Amino acid sequence: MTRNDAHSPGAILPGATLGVLGGGQLGRLFTLAARTLGYRVLVLDPDPNSPAGAVADTHLCADYTDADALARMGSECAAITTEWESVPATTLDNLSAHCPVRPSAAAVAVARDRIREKTFLRDLGLATAPFFAIRCEDDLAAAVANLRLPALLKTATLGYDGKGQLPVDNVAQARAAFAQLGNHPCVLEEKVKLAQELSVVLARGADGETAVYPIGENIHRNGILHTTRVPGRIAASAEELAISMAQRVAAELDYVGVLAVEFFFTTDGELLINEIAPRPHNSGHYTLDACASSQFEQQVRALCGLPLGSTRLLSPVTMLNLLGDVWGDSQPDWQQVFSHAEAKLHLYGKREARPGRKMGHINVLSENADGAFELANALFATLSSR
């Protein structure tokens, strides 16, 4: 398979400068991985308190469309990646004229828009929940008539962690929800009956090499990921199918980088793709402590054209998200975490803790998956009980 760009036929080696668009926790963890491997890192993010900017060699505090900042990034960086899919497509196209941008603007464009994403999956014959594209209010009546209700109306862009989606039980409610979401393009999607939520995180190189991590079994609360358990309690047939579907998505996108594919496993035994994330994923944070190579090291390797690392699971693990709700009016009692030798705390360097804001996570390791899961939930109960 050929590379998806014409730049740098050889590997980009340590000492080079890598660029990352976006300075949140994913950018921070990429930056730390890159610096550990000996690269310099330039972060572009408009937030002066950017978590990634705080640990990078250079933080360009500017908008993603700032011409001077993009010119500097393009001239100084050997390759550029992104930590989130909502970076303007024009920015990715601009930078790709100067150096490799991985994943490509074309791949990110599919994943950032639910209408394009779900249509892409449907055209490949990959199963999703039944859906209709809603571009204007006139599209609602036919969509409601042809779906089994209840359904969810989801914004086509900028929806994450349960934001930008509303329940729909009838046409009147659909119209009210569309107005509440600003009359922006949406998808109306049948609400399926869930047995499990799963995710496949994989890395794919420019040569088509892939490395797949063990599948995570996810539990969400209020639309936000709460825990990821690995190994998950997943039937072997569902595991094999999920991996093959995720690899097909990556191949069809000619994807280079780390990709996450989230799945619904229904009570009827159907495996449906929910979303594609063209970047490292919250559910892959367990790899920082429980795998031979983390998803962020893989992101560096794929970006630089290096051989991919091992995804071997070293220990059963449960990843526990830490939201701002746990902070309250003061720091959580971290001694409760440190008292457990195999609980690994990761904080993201964010200055303000707000309800629903991802502030960090804990990876709980154990000799068995049940033990890790039980301790993670016990820690959450302790930290939340103040």
Protein backbone atom coordinates (compact mmCIF):
# COMPACT_ATOMS: atom_id res chain seq x y z
CA MET A 1 0.00 0.00 0.00
CA THR A 2 1.36 3.45 -0.84
CA ARG A 3 1.69 6.34 1.55
CA ASN A 4 -1.16 8.85 1.72
CA ASP A 5 1.12 11.82 1.10
CA ALA A 6 4.15 12.61 -0.98
CA HIS A 7 6.39 13.84 1.83
CA SER A 8 9.32 12.24 3.62
CA PRO A 9 9.67 8.72 2.21
CA GLY A 10 11.96 7.79 5.11
CA ALA A 11 11.29 7.69 8.83
CA ILE A 12 11.34 10.91 10.86
CA LEU A 13 13.82 10.26 13.64
CA PRO A 14 14.27 11.66 17.18
CA GLY A 15 15.57 15.22 17.25
CA ALA A 16 12.96 16.40 14.72
CA THR A 17 10.13 18.74 15.70
CA LEU A 18 6.58 17.37 15.62
CA GLY A 19 3.49 19.55 15.59
CA VAL A 20 0.17 18.93 17.28
CA LEU A 21 -3.03 20.88 16.66
CA GLY A 22 -4.90 21.14 19.93
CA GLY A 23 -3.59 21.46 23.44
CA GLY A 24 -5.92 19.47 25.70
CA GLN A 25 -5.20 16.22 27.51
CA LEU A 26 -4.78 14.16 24.34
CA GLY A 27 -2.26 16.66 23.01
CA ARG A 28 -0.50 16.65 26.38
CA LEU A 29 -0.15 12.87 26.47
CA PHE A 30 1.05 12.84 22.85
CA THR A 31 3.61 15.53 23.72
CA LEU A 32 4.92 13.59 26.70
CA ALA A 33 5.25 10.43 24.59
CA ALA A 34 7.04 12.31 21.81
CA ARG A 35 9.47 14.01 24.18
CA THR A 36 10.21 10.68 25.87
CA LEU A 37 11.20 9.34 22.45
CA GLY A 38 13.49 12.33 21.87
CA TYR A 39 11.40 14.59 19.65
CA ARG A 40 10.75 18.27 20.07
CA VAL A 41 7.08 19.29 20.08
CA LEU A 42 5.31 22.43 18.92
CA VAL A 43 1.69 22.82 20.08
CA LEU A 44 -0.82 25.18 18.43
CA ASP A 45 -3.70 26.02 20.76
CA PRO A 46 -5.48 29.32 21.52
CA ASP A 47 -5.72 28.60 25.27
CA PRO A 48 -2.85 30.27 27.20
CA ASN A 49 -3.31 27.59 29.89
CA SER A 50 -3.19 24.70 27.43
CA PRO A 51 -2.27 21.43 29.20
CA ALA A 52 -0.22 20.34 26.18
CA GLY A 53 1.38 23.74 25.77
CA ALA A 54 2.67 23.55 29.33
CA VAL A 55 4.83 20.50 28.54
CA ALA A 56 5.75 21.25 24.90
CA ASP A 57 8.99 22.80 23.69
CA THR A 58 6.94 25.55 22.03
CA HIS A 59 3.36 26.68 22.56
CA LEU A 60 1.96 28.84 19.79
CA CYS A 61 -0.97 30.54 21.52
CA ALA A 62 -3.02 31.39 18.46
CA ASP A 63 -6.18 30.46 16.60
CA TYR A 64 -6.17 27.43 14.33
CA THR A 65 -6.61 29.71 11.32
CA ASP A 66 -3.89 32.22 12.25
CA ALA A 67 -1.77 32.61 9.09
CA ASP A 68 1.48 33.49 10.88
CA ALA A 69 1.16 30.62 13.34
CA LEU A 70 0.43 28.13 10.56
CA ALA A 71 3.36 29.42 8.51
CA ARG A 72 5.70 28.91 11.47
CA MET A 73 4.28 25.48 12.18
CA GLY A 74 4.67 24.42 8.58
CA SER A 75 8.27 25.62 8.42
CA GLU A 76 9.45 24.17 11.75
CA CYS A 77 7.67 20.81 11.91
CA ALA A 78 8.73 17.59 10.21
CA ALA A 79 5.20 16.19 10.60
CA ILE A 80 1.93 17.29 12.21
CA THR A 81 -0.97 15.53 13.90
CA THR A 82 -4.15 16.62 15.64
CA GLU A 83 -5.70 15.85 19.01
CA TRP A 84 -9.29 16.52 17.94
CA GLU A 85 -11.39 16.32 14.81
CA SER A 86 -12.82 19.85 14.83
CA VAL A 87 -9.69 21.60 13.60
CA PRO A 88 -10.74 23.43 10.39
CA ALA A 89 -10.19 21.39 7.23
CA THR A 90 -8.53 24.39 5.61
CA THR A 91 -5.90 24.34 8.36
CA LEU A 92 -5.06 20.69 7.69
CA ASP A 93 -4.93 21.30 3.94
CA ASN A 94 -2.71 24.37 4.43
CA LEU A 95 -0.22 22.47 6.57
CA SER A 96 -0.16 19.39 4.34
CA ALA A 97 1.51 21.50 1.65
CA HIS A 98 4.55 21.81 3.95
CA CYS A 99 4.91 18.43 5.65
CA PRO A 100 3.04 15.18 6.34
CA VAL A 101 -0.23 15.70 8.23
CA ARG A 102 -1.45 12.44 9.75
CA PRO A 103 -4.27 11.53 9.81
CA SER A 104 -5.12 13.24 6.53
CA ALA A 105 -7.63 16.05 6.14
CA ALA A 106 -9.82 13.70 4.08
CA ALA A 107 -9.97 11.07 6.82
CA VAL A 108 -10.68 13.66 9.53
CA ALA A 109 -13.43 15.19 7.38
CA VAL A 110 -15.35 11.89 7.38
CA ALA A 111 -15.05 11.35 11.14
CA ARG A 112 -15.89 14.90 12.18
CA ASP A 113 -19.37 14.95 10.60
CA ARG A 114 -21.96 12.37 11.70
CA ILE A 115 -23.83 12.55 8.41
CA ARG A 116 -20.69 11.86 6.37
CA GLU A 117 -19.47 9.30 8.88
CA LYS A 118 -22.64 7.23 8.99
CA THR A 119 -23.17 7.47 5.24
CA PHE A 120 -19.58 6.31 4.72
CA LEU A 121 -20.16 3.31 7.00
CA ARG A 122 -23.47 2.44 5.36
CA ASP A 123 -21.92 2.60 1.91
CA LEU A 124 -19.25 0.12 3.08
CA GLY A 125 -21.96 -2.24 4.30
CA LEU A 126 -20.91 -1.81 7.94
CA ALA A 127 -23.79 -1.91 10.41
CA THR A 128 -24.92 1.19 12.33
CA ALA A 129 -28.10 2.03 14.18
CA PRO A 130 -30.81 3.00 11.64
CA PHE A 131 -30.56 6.74 10.94
CA PHE A 132 -31.69 9.60 8.72
CA ALA A 133 -29.79 12.75 7.81
CA ILE A 134 -31.63 15.88 8.95
CA ARG A 135 -30.52 19.00 7.11
CA CYS A 136 -33.69 21.04 7.60
CA GLU A 137 -36.95 20.80 9.53
CA ASP A 138 -38.73 19.36 6.49
CA ASP A 139 -36.64 16.19 6.80
CA LEU A 140 -38.02 15.33 10.24
CA ALA A 141 -41.48 13.95 9.48
CA ALA A 142 -40.30 11.26 7.05
CA ALA A 143 -37.43 10.31 9.34
CA VAL A 144 -39.71 9.87 12.35
CA ALA A 145 -42.18 7.86 10.28
CA ASN A 146 -39.49 5.44 9.13
CA LEU A 147 -37.66 4.83 12.42
CA ARG A 148 -38.69 2.83 15.45
CA LEU A 149 -39.04 5.28 18.30
CA PRO A 150 -37.62 6.36 20.69
CA ALA A 151 -34.76 7.97 18.80
CA LEU A 152 -31.95 10.43 19.42
CA LEU A 153 -31.39 13.65 17.47
CA LYS A 154 -27.64 14.32 17.33
CA THR A 155 -25.83 17.32 15.89
CA ALA A 156 -23.72 16.41 12.87
CA THR A 157 -20.67 18.19 14.29
CA LEU A 158 -19.21 19.25 17.64
CA GLY A 159 -21.12 16.67 19.68
CA TYR A 160 -19.15 14.80 22.34
CA ASP A 161 -19.60 13.36 25.85
CA GLY A 162 -23.37 13.32 25.44
CA LYS A 163 -23.52 16.97 24.32
CA GLY A 164 -25.51 17.94 21.24
CA GLN A 165 -28.11 15.19 21.44
CA LEU A 166 -31.72 15.08 22.55
CA PRO A 167 -34.34 12.33 22.89
CA VAL A 168 -37.19 12.16 20.38
CA ASP A 169 -40.49 10.29 20.83
CA ASN A 170 -42.67 11.96 18.17
CA VAL A 171 -42.62 14.54 15.37
CA ALA A 172 -43.48 17.48 17.63
CA GLN A 173 -40.62 16.59 19.95
CA ALA A 174 -38.30 16.17 16.98
CA ARG A 175 -39.11 19.67 15.74
CA ALA A 176 -38.60 21.15 19.20
CA ALA A 177 -35.28 19.31 19.57
CA PHE A 178 -34.07 20.47 16.13
CA ALA A 179 -34.84 24.07 17.09
CA GLN A 180 -33.10 23.62 20.46
CA LEU A 181 -30.00 22.38 18.63
CA GLY A 182 -29.97 25.56 16.55
CA ASN A 183 -31.49 24.12 13.35
CA HIS A 184 -28.06 22.81 12.45
CA PRO A 185 -27.62 19.60 10.44
CA CYS A 186 -28.24 16.51 12.55
CA VAL A 187 -28.81 12.79 12.35
CA LEU A 188 -31.93 11.20 13.77
CA GLU A 189 -30.87 7.79 15.02
CA GLU A 190 -32.87 4.91 16.40
CA LYS A 191 -32.16 4.31 20.08
CA VAL A 192 -31.04 0.70 20.25
CA LYS A 193 -31.26 -1.56 23.29
CA LEU A 194 -27.73 -1.93 24.60
CA ALA A 195 -26.14 -4.97 26.15
CA GLN A 196 -22.63 -3.47 26.04
CA GLU A 197 -20.61 -0.58 24.67
CA LEU A 198 -17.23 -1.52 23.26
CA SER A 199 -14.31 0.22 21.60
CA VAL A 200 -11.48 -0.86 19.33
CA VAL A 201 -8.37 1.31 19.37
CA LEU A 202 -5.84 0.61 16.65
CA ALA A 203 -2.81 2.15 15.02
CA ARG A 204 -2.18 2.10 11.28
CA GLY A 205 1.03 3.08 9.55
CA ALA A 206 1.47 4.69 6.16
CA ASP A 207 2.53 1.28 4.82
CA GLY A 208 -0.80 -0.26 5.85
CA GLU A 209 0.61 -2.05 8.89
CA THR A 210 -1.93 -2.21 11.72
CA ALA A 211 -1.63 -2.90 15.43
CA VAL A 212 -4.85 -3.50 17.39
CA TYR A 213 -5.24 -3.09 21.14
CA PRO A 214 -7.37 -5.43 23.27
CA ILE A 215 -11.02 -4.38 23.08
CA GLY A 216 -12.33 -2.23 25.91
CA GLU A 217 -15.71 -2.74 27.56
CA ASN A 218 -17.03 0.74 28.36
CA ILE A 219 -19.50 2.03 30.90
CA HIS A 220 -20.86 5.56 30.47
CA ARG A 221 -22.58 7.85 32.96
CA ASN A 222 -24.56 10.84 31.72
CA GLY A 223 -23.10 10.37 28.26
CA ILE A 224 -19.47 10.50 29.50
CA LEU A 225 -17.15 7.52 29.69
CA HIS A 226 -16.87 6.32 33.30
CA THR A 227 -14.79 3.13 33.12
CA THR A 228 -13.08 0.98 30.51
CA ARG A 229 -12.47 -2.64 31.48
CA VAL A 230 -9.82 -4.76 29.74
CA PRO A 231 -10.12 -7.62 29.05
CA GLY A 232 -13.79 -6.96 28.54
CA ARG A 233 -16.54 -9.50 29.03
CA ILE A 234 -16.93 -9.93 25.28
CA ALA A 235 -17.94 -12.97 23.24
CA ALA A 236 -15.10 -14.16 20.99
CA SER A 237 -17.27 -13.86 17.87
CA ALA A 238 -18.16 -10.23 18.67
CA GLU A 239 -14.51 -9.45 19.39
CA GLU A 240 -13.34 -10.82 16.05
CA LEU A 241 -16.09 -9.00 14.15
CA ALA A 242 -15.38 -5.67 15.89
CA ILE A 243 -11.69 -5.88 15.07
CA SER A 244 -12.35 -6.72 11.42
CA MET A 245 -14.86 -3.87 11.11
CA ALA A 246 -12.43 -1.37 12.66
CA GLN A 247 -9.61 -2.51 10.38
CA ARG A 248 -11.89 -2.14 7.36
CA VAL A 249 -12.72 1.44 8.39
CA ALA A 250 -9.03 2.29 8.74
CA ALA A 251 -8.13 0.74 5.41
CA GLU A 252 -10.96 2.42 3.49
CA LEU A 253 -9.96 5.80 4.94
CA ASP A 254 -6.30 5.12 4.04
CA TYR A 255 -5.83 6.12 7.65
CA VAL A 256 -2.44 6.89 9.23
CA GLY A 257 -2.34 7.32 12.99
CA VAL A 258 -4.38 6.09 15.95
CA LEU A 259 -8.06 5.46 15.32
CA ALA A 260 -10.85 4.51 17.74
CA VAL A 261 -14.09 2.86 16.66
CA GLU A 262 -16.89 2.76 19.22
CA PHE A 263 -19.48 -0.02 19.03
CA PHE A 264 -22.93 -0.80 20.36
CA PHE A 265 -23.56 -4.48 21.12
CA THR A 266 -27.33 -4.81 21.30
CA THR A 267 -29.54 -7.12 23.32
CA ASP A 268 -30.41 -8.77 19.98
CA GLY A 269 -26.77 -9.67 19.44
CA GLU A 270 -26.07 -7.05 16.76
CA LEU A 271 -22.72 -5.27 16.61
CA LEU A 272 -23.19 -1.69 15.39
CA ILE A 273 -20.62 1.05 14.84
CA ASN A 274 -21.55 4.11 16.87
CA GLU A 275 -18.74 6.59 16.14
CA ILE A 276 -15.26 6.94 14.70
CA ALA A 277 -12.64 9.06 16.49
CA PRO A 278 -9.64 10.01 14.30
CA ARG A 279 -7.22 10.26 17.23
CA PRO A 280 -6.29 8.53 20.48
CA HIS A 281 -9.36 7.91 22.60
CA ASN A 282 -10.41 8.19 26.21
CA SER A 283 -11.13 4.45 26.26
CA GLY A 284 -7.52 3.80 25.19
CA HIS A 285 -5.95 5.52 28.20
CA TYR A 286 -5.52 2.15 29.88
CA THR A 287 -2.67 1.50 27.42
CA LEU A 288 -0.47 4.00 29.26
CA ASP A 289 0.16 1.48 32.06
CA ALA A 290 -1.21 -1.86 30.89
CA CYS A 291 0.27 -2.33 27.39
CA ALA A 292 3.76 -2.71 25.98
CA SER A 293 3.25 0.49 23.93
CA SER A 294 0.70 3.19 24.73
CA GLN A 295 -1.71 4.61 22.16
CA PHE A 296 0.27 7.88 22.33
CA GLU A 297 3.59 6.20 21.55
CA GLN A 298 1.81 4.58 18.61
CA GLN A 299 0.59 8.00 17.49
CA VAL A 300 4.20 9.20 17.43
CA ARG A 301 5.37 6.08 15.62
CA ALA A 302 2.68 6.27 12.93
CA LEU A 303 3.22 10.01 12.45
CA CYS A 304 6.95 9.52 11.99
CA GLY A 305 6.80 6.47 9.72
CA LEU A 306 8.35 4.18 12.34
CA PRO A 307 7.42 0.51 12.83
CA LEU A 308 4.43 0.23 15.16
CA GLY A 309 4.95 -0.94 18.73
CA SER A 310 3.54 -3.99 20.49
CA THR A 311 -0.05 -3.81 21.75
CA ARG A 312 0.46 -6.75 24.12
CA LEU A 313 -1.60 -6.49 27.32
CA LEU A 314 0.71 -6.67 30.34
CA SER A 315 -1.99 -6.70 33.00
CA PRO A 316 -5.76 -6.72 33.38
CA VAL A 317 -6.85 -3.13 33.95
CA THR A 318 -9.78 -0.81 34.50
CA MET A 319 -9.48 2.84 33.50
CA LEU A 320 -11.50 5.19 35.71
CA ASN A 321 -12.24 8.70 34.44
CA LEU A 322 -11.89 11.55 36.92
CA LEU A 323 -14.32 14.41 36.23
CA GLY A 324 -14.39 17.80 37.89
CA ASP A 325 -17.34 16.65 39.99
CA VAL A 326 -14.90 14.72 42.20
CA TRP A 327 -13.06 17.91 43.16
CA GLY A 328 -15.92 19.79 44.80
CA ASP A 329 -14.40 22.73 46.70
CA SER A 330 -11.00 21.13 47.21
CA GLN A 331 -8.52 18.60 45.86
CA PRO A 332 -9.58 14.96 46.12
CA ASP A 333 -7.89 12.83 48.77
CA TRP A 334 -5.12 11.46 46.55
CA GLN A 335 -3.71 9.45 49.44
CA GLN A 336 -6.62 7.07 48.88
CA VAL A 337 -5.24 6.41 45.41
CA PHE A 338 -1.57 6.20 46.36
CA SER A 339 -2.34 3.69 49.10
CA HIS A 340 -2.99 1.13 46.35
CA ALA A 341 0.30 0.13 44.74
CA GLU A 342 -1.26 -0.76 41.39
CA ALA A 343 -3.46 2.31 40.99
CA LYS A 344 -1.79 4.71 38.55
CA LEU A 345 -2.93 8.35 38.69
CA HIS A 346 -2.78 10.58 35.61
CA LEU A 347 -3.76 14.26 35.96
CA TYR A 348 -4.05 16.52 32.94
CA GLY A 349 -2.82 19.85 34.31
CA LYS A 350 -6.12 21.69 33.95
CA ARG A 351 -6.44 24.67 36.25
CA GLU A 352 -10.19 24.70 36.78
CA ALA A 353 -12.25 21.69 37.83
CA ARG A 354 -15.82 21.89 36.52
CA PRO A 355 -18.63 19.33 36.64
CA GLY A 356 -18.34 17.01 33.65
CA ARG A 357 -14.84 18.20 32.74
CA LYS A 358 -12.23 15.47 32.29
CA MET A 359 -9.47 16.26 34.77
CA GLY A 360 -7.58 12.98 34.79
CA HIS A 361 -7.92 9.23 35.08
CA ILE A 362 -6.73 6.29 37.17
CA ASN A 363 -5.54 3.02 35.67
CA VAL A 364 -6.12 0.23 38.15
CA LEU A 365 -4.07 -2.90 37.48
CA SER A 366 -4.74 -6.31 38.98
CA GLU A 367 -4.05 -10.00 38.51
CA ASN A 368 -7.58 -10.40 37.16
CA ALA A 369 -10.12 -8.19 35.42
CA ASP A 370 -12.75 -8.47 38.17
CA GLY A 371 -10.29 -7.30 40.81
CA ALA A 372 -9.27 -4.25 38.77
CA PHE A 373 -12.89 -3.36 38.06
CA GLU A 374 -13.95 -3.69 41.70
CA LEU A 375 -11.05 -1.59 43.01
CA ALA A 376 -11.68 1.14 40.40
CA ASN A 377 -15.29 1.43 41.49
CA ALA A 378 -14.31 1.40 45.17
CA LEU A 379 -11.84 4.23 44.55
CA PHE A 380 -14.49 6.22 42.74
CA ALA A 381 -16.90 5.78 45.64
CA THR A 382 -14.23 6.89 48.13
CA LEU A 383 -13.17 9.95 46.14
CA SER A 384 -16.80 10.96 45.56
CA SER A 385 -17.91 10.60 49.18
CA ARG A 386 -16.39 13.81 50.59
